[in-house]
C-alpha atoms as a PDB file:
ATOM      1  CA  MET A   1      -0.004   0.045  -0.026  1.00  0.00           C
ATOM      2  CA  GLY A   2       1.193   3.570  -0.644  1.00  0.00           C
ATOM      3  CA  ALA A   3       2.135   5.972   2.049  1.00  0.00           C
ATOM      4  CA  PRO A   4      -0.764   7.980   3.427  1.00  0.00           C
ATOM      5  CA  LEU A   5      -1.781  11.180   1.551  1.00  0.00           C
ATOM      6  CA  HIS A   6      -1.082  13.642   4.470  1.00  0.00           C
ATOM      7  CA  SER A   7       2.440  12.096   4.835  1.00  0.00           C
ATOM      8  CA  ARG A   8       3.251  12.597   1.166  1.00  0.00           C
ATOM      9  CA  ARG A   9       2.177  16.162   1.518  1.00  0.00           C
ATOM     10  CA  GLN A  10       4.130  16.850   4.607  1.00  0.00           C
ATOM     11  CA  GLY A  11       7.375  15.422   2.726  1.00  0.00           C
ATOM     12  CA  ALA A  12       6.797  17.613  -0.096  1.00  0.00           C
ATOM     13  CA  GLY A  13       6.276  20.650   2.084  1.00  0.00           C
ATOM     14  CA  SER A  14       9.514  19.924   3.870  1.00  0.00           C
ATOM     15  CA  GLN A  15      11.446  19.754   0.609  1.00  0.00           C
ATOM     16  CA  ARG A  16       9.961  22.984  -0.555  1.00  0.00           C
ATOM     17  CA  GLY A  17      10.865  24.627   2.862  1.00  0.00           C
ATOM     18  CA  ALA A  18      14.466  23.297   2.603  1.00  0.00           C
ATOM     19  CA  VAL A  19      14.750  24.739  -0.977  1.00  0.00           C
ATOM     20  CA  LEU A  20      13.423  28.026   0.111  1.00  0.00           C
ATOM     21  CA  VAL A  21      15.893  28.329   2.957  1.00  0.00           C
ATOM     22  CA  LEU A  22      18.764  27.339   0.650  1.00  0.00           C
ATOM     23  CA  VAL A  23      17.694  29.921  -1.803  1.00  0.00           C
ATOM     24  CA  LEU A  24      17.584  32.740   0.884  1.00  0.00           C
ATOM     25  CA  VAL A  25      20.970  31.663   2.147  1.00  0.00           C
ATOM     26  CA  VAL A  26      22.481  31.899  -1.383  1.00  0.00           C
ATOM     27  CA  MET A  27      20.784  35.338  -1.933  1.00  0.00           C
ATOM     28  CA  VAL A  28      22.113  36.655   1.455  1.00  0.00           C
ATOM     29  CA  ILE A  29      25.651  35.312   0.512  1.00  0.00           C
ATOM     30  CA  GLY A  30      25.248  36.973  -3.024  1.00  0.00           C
ATOM     31  CA  VAL A  31      24.167  40.281  -1.496  1.00  0.00           C
ATOM     32  CA  GLY A  32      26.871  40.346   0.931  1.00  0.00           C
ATOM     33  CA  LEU A  33      29.471  39.560  -1.721  1.00  0.00           C
ATOM     34  CA  SER A  34      28.133  42.268  -3.895  1.00  0.00           C
ATOM     35  CA  PHE A  35      28.425  44.732  -1.002  1.00  0.00           C
ATOM     36  CA  TYR A  36      31.969  43.704  -0.335  1.00  0.00           C
ATOM     37  CA  VAL A  37      33.021  43.808  -3.932  1.00  0.00           C
ATOM     38  CA  SER A  38      31.497  47.272  -4.463  1.00  0.00           C
ATOM     39  CA  GLY A  39      33.139  48.429  -1.178  1.00  0.00           C
ATOM     40  CA  ALA A  40      36.535  47.113  -2.268  1.00  0.00           C
ATOM     41  CA  ALA A  41      36.207  48.682  -5.694  1.00  0.00           C
ATOM     42  CA  ARG A  42      35.337  52.098  -4.100  1.00  0.00           C
ATOM     43  CA  ASP A  43      38.331  51.761  -1.801  1.00  0.00           C
ATOM     44  CA  THR A  44      40.667  50.834  -4.527  1.00  0.00           C
ATOM     45  CA  VAL A  45      39.424  53.866  -6.721  1.00  0.00           C
ATOM     46  CA  GLN A  46      39.861  56.283  -3.792  1.00  0.00           C
ATOM     47  CA  SER A  47      43.304  54.880  -3.119  1.00  0.00           C
ATOM     48  CA  ALA A  48      44.293  55.407  -6.734  1.00  0.00           C
ATOM     49  CA  PHE A  49      43.055  58.945  -6.780  1.00  0.00           C
ATOM     50  CA  LEU A  50      44.994  59.634  -3.492  1.00  0.00           C
ATOM     51  CA  LEU A  51      48.170  57.989  -4.830  1.00  0.00           C
ATOM     52  CA  GLU A  52      47.801  60.058  -8.025  1.00  0.00           C
ATOM     53  CA  ASP A  53      47.389  63.286  -6.034  1.00  0.00           C
ATOM     54  CA  LYS A  54      50.408  62.419  -3.909  1.00  0.00           C
ATOM     55  CA  LEU A  55      52.643  61.643  -7.034  1.00  0.00           C
ATOM     56  CA  LYS A  56      51.537  64.909  -8.643  1.00  0.00           C
ATOM     57  CA  ALA A  57      52.410  66.915  -5.580  1.00  0.00           C
ATOM     58  CA  LYS A  58      55.799  65.233  -5.214  1.00  0.00           C
ATOM     59  CA  LEU A  59      56.744  65.671  -8.811  1.00  0.00           C
ATOM     60  CA  GLU A  60      55.531  69.199  -8.785  1.00  0.00           C
ATOM     61  CA  ALA A  61      57.488  70.039  -5.526  1.00  0.00           C
ATOM     62  CA  GLU A  62      60.716  68.280  -6.840  1.00  0.00           C
ATOM     63  CA  SER A  63      60.608  69.913 -10.252  1.00  0.00           C
ATOM     64  CA  GLN A  64      59.991  73.424  -8.751  1.00  0.00           C
ATOM     65  CA  LEU A  65      62.723  72.907  -6.103  1.00  0.00           C
ATOM     66  CA  GLU A  66      65.293  71.567  -8.571  1.00  0.00           C
ATOM     67  CA  LEU A  67      64.673  74.736 -10.718  1.00  0.00           C
ATOM     68  CA  VAL A  68      65.073  77.044  -7.690  1.00  0.00           C
ATOM     69  CA  ARG A  69      68.250  75.264  -6.782  1.00  0.00           C
ATOM     70  CA  PHE A  70      69.654  75.426 -10.213  1.00  0.00           C
ATOM     71  CA  LEU A  71      68.977  79.210 -10.509  1.00  0.00           C
ATOM     72  CA  LEU A  72      70.449  79.748  -7.099  1.00  0.00           C
ATOM     73  CA  ALA A  73      73.533  78.009  -8.009  1.00  0.00           C
ATOM     74  CA  THR A  74      74.040  79.461 -11.515  1.00  0.00           C
ATOM     75  CA  THR A  75      72.600  82.887 -11.902  1.00  0.00           C
ATOM     76  CA  PRO A  76      71.383  85.965  -9.919  1.00  0.00           C
ATOM     77  CA  PHE A  77      67.587  85.366 -10.233  1.00  0.00           C
ATOM     78  CA  LYS A  78      64.320  86.862  -9.439  1.00  0.00           C
ATOM     79  CA  ALA A  79      61.167  84.950  -8.469  1.00  0.00           C
ATOM     80  CA  SER A  80      59.713  85.584 -11.788  1.00  0.00           C
ATOM     81  CA  GLN A  81      62.386  83.504 -13.471  1.00  0.00           C
ATOM     82  CA  VAL A  82      61.205  80.492 -11.465  1.00  0.00           C
ATOM     83  CA  ALA A  83      57.488  80.675 -12.105  1.00  0.00           C
ATOM     84  CA  PRO A  84      56.386  83.385 -14.503  1.00  0.00           C
ATOM     85  CA  ILE A  85      52.927  84.898 -13.985  1.00  0.00           C
ATOM     86  CA  ASP A  86      51.765  83.701 -17.382  1.00  0.00           C
ATOM     87  CA  SER A  87      53.275  80.221 -16.909  1.00  0.00           C
ATOM     88  CA  PRO A  88      50.967  77.491 -18.347  1.00  0.00           C
ATOM     89  CA  SER A  89      50.724  75.722 -14.937  1.00  0.00           C
ATOM     90  CA  GLY A  90      49.521  78.911 -13.261  1.00  0.00           C
ATOM     91  CA  LEU A  91      52.246  78.585 -10.538  1.00  0.00           C
ATOM     92  CA  THR A  92      53.638  81.897  -9.316  1.00  0.00           C
ATOM     93  CA  LEU A  93      56.200  82.905  -6.647  1.00  0.00           C
ATOM     94  CA  PRO A  94      56.445  86.038  -4.659  1.00  0.00           C
ATOM     95  CA  GLU A  95      58.814  88.714  -5.944  1.00  0.00           C
ATOM     96  CA  SER A  96      61.172  88.157  -2.880  1.00  0.00           C
ATOM     97  CA  LEU A  97      62.105  84.665  -1.717  1.00  0.00           C
ATOM     98  CA  SER A  98      62.616  84.173   2.122  1.00  0.00           C
ATOM     99  CA  LEU A  99      65.642  82.208   3.202  1.00  0.00           C
ATOM    100  CA  SER A 100      64.387  81.743   6.792  1.00  0.00           C
ATOM    101  CA  GLY A 101      62.049  78.764   6.176  1.00  0.00           C
ATOM    102  CA  GLU A 102      58.831  80.652   5.523  1.00  0.00           C
ATOM    103  CA  PRO A 103      56.654  78.386   3.442  1.00  0.00           C
ATOM    104  CA  ILE A 104      56.113  79.243  -0.296  1.00  0.00           C
ATOM    105  CA  LEU A 105      52.868  77.656  -1.770  1.00  0.00           C
ATOM    106  CA  LEU A 106      53.245  76.262  -5.267  1.00  0.00           C
ATOM    107  CA  GLY A 107      50.050  74.725  -6.443  1.00  0.00           C
ATOM    108  CA  HIS A 108      49.350  71.814  -3.957  1.00  0.00           C
ATOM    109  CA  SER A 109      52.945  71.916  -2.822  1.00  0.00           C
ATOM    110  CA  THR A 110      54.927  73.878  -0.216  1.00  0.00           C
ATOM    111  CA  ILE A 111      58.598  74.622  -0.395  1.00  0.00           C
ATOM    112  CA  SER A 112      60.697  76.128   2.326  1.00  0.00           C
ATOM    113  CA  LEU A 113      64.168  77.673   1.715  1.00  0.00           C
ATOM    114  CA  ARG A 114      66.730  77.835   4.468  1.00  0.00           C
ATOM    115  CA  ASP A 115      70.087  79.653   4.529  1.00  0.00           C
ATOM    116  CA  THR A 116      72.648  77.062   5.780  1.00  0.00           C
ATOM    117  CA  ALA A 117      74.879  79.934   6.839  1.00  0.00           C
ATOM    118  CA  SER A 118      72.370  80.811   9.573  1.00  0.00           C
ATOM    119  CA  MET A 119      72.264  77.243  10.996  1.00  0.00           C
ATOM    120  CA  LEU A 120      74.663  75.315  13.254  1.00  0.00           C
ATOM    121  CA  SER A 121      77.445  73.890  11.076  1.00  0.00           C
ATOM    122  CA  VAL A 122      78.667  70.478  12.253  1.00  0.00           C
ATOM    123  CA  PRO A 123      82.463  71.070  11.479  1.00  0.00           C
ATOM    124  CA  TRP A 124      82.323  74.683  12.901  1.00  0.00           C
ATOM    125  CA  CYS A 125      79.802  74.438  15.726  1.00  0.00           C
ATOM    126  CA  ASP A 126      81.136  76.290  18.867  1.00  0.00           C
ATOM    127  CA  PRO A 127      79.981  74.318  21.952  1.00  0.00           C
ATOM    128  CA  ALA A 128      79.182  77.630  23.707  1.00  0.00           C
ATOM    129  CA  LEU A 129      76.868  78.530  20.958  1.00  0.00           C
ATOM    130  CA  LEU A 130      75.233  75.136  21.033  1.00  0.00           C
ATOM    131  CA  GLN A 131      74.654  75.595  24.744  1.00  0.00           C
ATOM    132  CA  ARG A 132      73.131  79.049  24.304  1.00  0.00           C
ATOM    133  CA  PHE A 133      70.969  77.831  21.445  1.00  0.00           C
ATOM    134  CA  LEU A 134      69.580  74.927  23.524  1.00  0.00           C
ATOM    135  CA  LEU A 135      68.947  77.448  26.388  1.00  0.00           C
ATOM    136  CA  ALA A 136      67.036  79.587  23.872  1.00  0.00           C
ATOM    137  CA  GLN A 137      64.941  76.449  22.921  1.00  0.00           C
ATOM    138  CA  GLY A 138      63.841  76.012  26.497  1.00  0.00           C
ATOM    139  CA  VAL A 139      66.303  73.184  27.496  1.00  0.00           C
ATOM    140  CA  SER A 140      67.402  73.181  31.094  1.00  0.00           C
ATOM    141  CA  ARG A 141      70.778  74.504  31.996  1.00  0.00           C
ATOM    142  CA  GLU A 142      71.933  71.109  33.162  1.00  0.00           C
ATOM    143  CA  LYS A 143      71.093  69.400  29.750  1.00  0.00           C
ATOM    144  CA  ALA A 144      72.464  72.250  27.778  1.00  0.00           C
ATOM    145  CA  ALA A 145      75.704  72.211  29.729  1.00  0.00           C
ATOM    146  CA  ARG A 146      75.998  68.445  29.257  1.00  0.00           C
ATOM    147  CA  ALA A 147      75.311  68.656  25.615  1.00  0.00           C
ATOM    148  CA  ALA A 148      78.122  71.255  25.237  1.00  0.00           C
ATOM    149  CA  ASP A 149      80.650  69.343  27.288  1.00  0.00           C
ATOM    150  CA  THR A 150      79.982  65.959  25.620  1.00  0.00           C
ATOM    151  CA  TRP A 151      80.256  67.708  22.299  1.00  0.00           C
ATOM    152  CA  ARG A 152      83.747  69.006  23.366  1.00  0.00           C
ATOM    153  CA  ASP A 153      84.841  65.490  24.590  1.00  0.00           C
ATOM    154  CA  TRP A 154      83.594  64.003  21.198  1.00  0.00           C
ATOM    155  CA  LEU A 155      85.983  66.360  19.378  1.00  0.00           C
ATOM    156  CA  ASP A 156      89.029  66.547  21.469  1.00  0.00           C
ATOM    157  CA  ARG A 157      91.922  64.227  21.179  1.00  0.00           C
ATOM    158  CA  ASP A 158      92.328  63.270  24.767  1.00  0.00           C
ATOM    159  CA  GLU A 159      90.420  61.134  27.176  1.00  0.00           C
ATOM    160  CA  PHE A 160      90.229  63.771  29.992  1.00  0.00           C
ATOM    161  CA  LYS A 161      86.463  64.480  30.688  1.00  0.00           C
ATOM    162  CA  HIS A 162      85.050  67.888  30.835  1.00  0.00           C
ATOM    163  CA  LEU A 163      82.955  68.779  33.803  1.00  0.00           C
ATOM    164  CA  ASN A 164      79.649  67.583  32.325  1.00  0.00           C
ATOM    165  CA  GLY A 165      81.222  65.661  29.459  1.00  0.00           C
ATOM    166  CA  ALA A 166      81.576  61.916  28.597  1.00  0.00           C
ATOM    167  CA  GLU A 167      84.656  59.905  27.325  1.00  0.00           C
ATOM    168  CA  SER A 168      85.039  56.330  26.287  1.00  0.00           C
ATOM    169  CA  PHE A 169      84.644  54.892  29.780  1.00  0.00           C
ATOM    170  CA  ASP A 170      81.224  56.794  30.087  1.00  0.00           C
ATOM    171  CA  TYR A 171      79.929  55.339  26.799  1.00  0.00           C
ATOM    172  CA  ARG A 172      80.963  51.757  27.932  1.00  0.00           C
ATOM    173  CA  GLN A 173      79.440  52.251  31.313  1.00  0.00           C
ATOM    174  CA  ARG A 174      76.138  53.117  29.550  1.00  0.00           C
ATOM    175  CA  GLY A 175      76.373  49.898  27.585  1.00  0.00           C
ATOM    176  CA  ILE A 176      77.360  51.634  24.358  1.00  0.00           C
ATOM    177  CA  ARG A 177      80.090  49.448  22.806  1.00  0.00           C
ATOM    178  CA  ALA A 178      79.368  50.097  19.072  1.00  0.00           C
ATOM    179  CA  TRP A 179      81.016  53.586  19.241  1.00  0.00           C
ATOM    180  CA  THR A 180      83.156  55.945  21.328  1.00  0.00           C
ATOM    181  CA  PRO A 181      84.081  59.559  20.895  1.00  0.00           C
ATOM    182  CA  ARG A 182      85.645  60.439  17.664  1.00  0.00           C
ATOM    183  CA  ASN A 183      88.554  62.338  19.245  1.00  0.00           C
ATOM    184  CA  SER A 184      88.799  64.485  16.110  1.00  0.00           C
ATOM    185  CA  LYS A 185      87.116  67.462  14.544  1.00  0.00           C
ATOM    186  CA  ALA A 186      86.530  65.605  11.323  1.00  0.00           C
ATOM    187  CA  MET A 187      82.945  64.755  11.939  1.00  0.00           C
ATOM    188  CA  GLN A 188      81.434  62.915   8.850  1.00  0.00           C
ATOM    189  CA  ALA A 189      77.782  63.969   8.792  1.00  0.00           C
ATOM    190  CA  ARG A 190      74.970  65.673  10.625  1.00  0.00           C
ATOM    191  CA  GLU A 191      73.629  62.382  11.919  1.00  0.00           C
ATOM    192  CA  GLU A 192      76.968  61.661  13.697  1.00  0.00           C
ATOM    193  CA  ALA A 193      75.974  64.243  16.337  1.00  0.00           C
ATOM    194  CA  ALA A 194      73.146  62.101  17.375  1.00  0.00           C
ATOM    195  CA  LEU A 195      75.664  59.602  18.670  1.00  0.00           C
ATOM    196  CA  ILE A 196      76.995  62.036  21.185  1.00  0.00           C
ATOM    197  CA  GLU A 197      76.003  61.075  24.686  1.00  0.00           C
ATOM    198  CA  GLY A 198      74.591  64.480  25.743  1.00  0.00           C
ATOM    199  CA  LEU A 199      72.392  64.766  22.669  1.00  0.00           C
ATOM    200  CA  GLN A 200      70.909  61.274  22.650  1.00  0.00           C
ATOM    201  CA  GLN A 201      67.634  62.043  24.366  1.00  0.00           C
ATOM    202  CA  PRO A 202      64.994  62.144  21.640  1.00  0.00           C
ATOM    203  CA  MET A 203      63.263  65.482  22.746  1.00  0.00           C
ATOM    204  CA  LEU A 204      66.726  67.166  22.945  1.00  0.00           C
ATOM    205  CA  TRP A 205      67.906  65.885  19.511  1.00  0.00           C
ATOM    206  CA  GLN A 206      64.629  67.107  17.888  1.00  0.00           C
ATOM    207  CA  LYS A 207      65.458  70.658  19.116  1.00  0.00           C
ATOM    208  CA  ILE A 208      68.875  70.691  17.409  1.00  0.00           C
ATOM    209  CA  ALA A 209      68.281  68.415  14.370  1.00  0.00           C
ATOM    210  CA  SER A 210      66.411  70.962  12.282  1.00  0.00           C
ATOM    211  CA  GLU A 211      69.229  73.621  12.901  1.00  0.00           C
ATOM    212  CA  LEU A 212      72.201  71.357  12.456  1.00  0.00           C
ATOM    213  CA  VAL A 213      73.740  70.946   8.972  1.00  0.00           C
ATOM    214  CA  TRP A 214      76.927  69.734   7.454  1.00  0.00           C
ATOM    215  CA  THR A 215      78.669  72.483   5.514  1.00  0.00           C
ATOM    216  CA  GLU A 216      82.283  73.488   5.142  1.00  0.00           C
ATOM    217  CA  ARG A 217      81.525  77.055   5.529  1.00  0.00           C
ATOM    218  CA  GLY A 218      81.781  78.654   9.050  1.00  0.00           C
ATOM    219  CA  GLY A 219      80.163  81.715  10.421  1.00  0.00           C
ATOM    220  CA  SER A 220      76.512  82.675  10.791  1.00  0.00           C
ATOM    221  CA  ASN A 221      74.289  84.861   8.784  1.00  0.00           C
ATOM    222  CA  ILE A 222      72.130  86.922  11.231  1.00  0.00           C
ATOM    223  CA  ASN A 223      69.989  88.134   8.294  1.00  0.00           C
ATOM    224  CA  THR A 224      68.441  84.736   7.976  1.00  0.00           C
ATOM    225  CA  ALA A 225      68.831  83.227  11.443  1.00  0.00           C
ATOM    226  CA  SER A 226      65.733  82.144  13.369  1.00  0.00           C
ATOM    227  CA  GLY A 227      64.756  83.793  16.578  1.00  0.00           C
ATOM    228  CA  PRO A 228      66.403  81.276  18.841  1.00  0.00           C
ATOM    229  CA  MET A 229      69.538  81.246  16.743  1.00  0.00           C
ATOM    230  CA  LEU A 230      69.659  85.137  16.812  1.00  0.00           C
ATOM    231  CA  GLN A 231      69.207  84.854  20.621  1.00  0.00           C
ATOM    232  CA  ALA A 232      72.128  82.348  20.916  1.00  0.00           C
ATOM    233  CA  LEU A 233      74.454  84.147  18.325  1.00  0.00           C
ATOM    234  CA  LEU A 234      74.039  87.647  19.927  1.00  0.00           C
ATOM    235  CA  ASP A 235      73.506  86.328  23.459  1.00  0.00           C
ATOM    236  CA  ILE A 236      70.481  88.653  23.959  1.00  0.00           C
ATOM    237  CA  PRO A 237      67.102  87.987  25.654  1.00  0.00           C
ATOM    238  CA  PRO A 238      64.351  86.311  23.660  1.00  0.00           C
ATOM    239  CA  GLU A 239      62.169  89.509  23.504  1.00  0.00           C
ATOM    240  CA  GLN A 240      65.053  91.411  21.922  1.00  0.00           C
ATOM    241  CA  ALA A 241      65.735  88.564  19.449  1.00  0.00           C
ATOM    242  CA  ALA A 242      62.120  88.487  18.458  1.00  0.00           C
ATOM    243  CA  GLU A 243      61.996  92.193  17.900  1.00  0.00           C
ATOM    244  CA  LEU A 244      65.183  92.128  15.888  1.00  0.00           C
ATOM    245  CA  ALA A 245      63.663  89.464  13.681  1.00  0.00           C
ATOM    246  CA  ARG A 246      60.423  91.554  13.210  1.00  0.00           C
ATOM    247  CA  LEU A 247      62.483  94.668  12.332  1.00  0.00           C
ATOM    248  CA  ARG A 248      64.775  92.686   9.971  1.00  0.00           C
ATOM    249  CA  LYS A 249      61.696  91.417   8.065  1.00  0.00           C
ATOM    250  CA  GLU A 250      59.982  94.807   7.814  1.00  0.00           C
ATOM    251  CA  MET A 251      63.225  96.444   6.505  1.00  0.00           C
ATOM    252  CA  GLY A 252      63.579  93.757   3.722  1.00  0.00           C
ATOM    253  CA  GLN A 253      66.575  92.108   4.791  1.00  0.00           C
ATOM    254  CA  LEU A 254      65.299  88.569   3.837  1.00  0.00           C
END
C-alpha cells in the first residue's frame, strides 16, 4: 500500500521549505559578496586617486625645487624666473624669496628655503653657541651644559673628561660599545652628532636636528637666522631677538 496522503504532503512541504531556505541563504551570500566587492572597488578607486594626488604633488615640488636650486647655483635670479605669472601651470612665486624657512605655496605643494649659513654647522659648531641655542629652545641649564661638554669631549683628542662631558669609559658604562668619541674634529655627517651622549635624548635631539647641517662654511648669517638662533648668536634676551627678527623682516633684509 502507498504512504498516506497527508504524509506525502508533509514530505513535499519539507522539501519546498528546505529549498526556500537554501535559496535565501544563497541570496544573502550573494548580496553580501556584492556589497563587499563594491566596497573594495570604491576603496581601490579612492586609493588610486589619493596616490595620483601624492605623485603629482611630489613631482611638482621636486621639479620646482630643482629649478630654484639650479637658478640659485648658476645665476642671480628673481622669483619671476622660477614661475612666470603667465606660466601654463599657473604657478607663481612672490617677488622676494625668504631664506628663513617661511613656506612658499606652489600649487598643492609647499617649499621652504633655508640659508645654511644661519644654522649650526657640524664642523664649525662652537659648543658655547650650541649651549646658548639649547637654552634659547627651553632646554634646562643642566642638559644644555651636558650637551656642550659631551660635544667637546667628542671632538678633542684626549680622554680627559670635561665637567659635564663623557669619554670612552662613560659610553661603555652606559652599555654603548658600538662607538666611542671620535676624538677628532673631522665629523662625517649631521647624523653623527646624534651619537654624542649628551644629545641622545629624543626631545633634545629634535630641538637641534632642524638647525644642524653639514657644511664646510663657517660663520653665521644673522640676516636669515631664526629667533632662537639670533638669541644664541648675539647672546640677547628672547624678547630682543624676536624684535630684531620683526624689524629685519620689515626692513627687507630677507
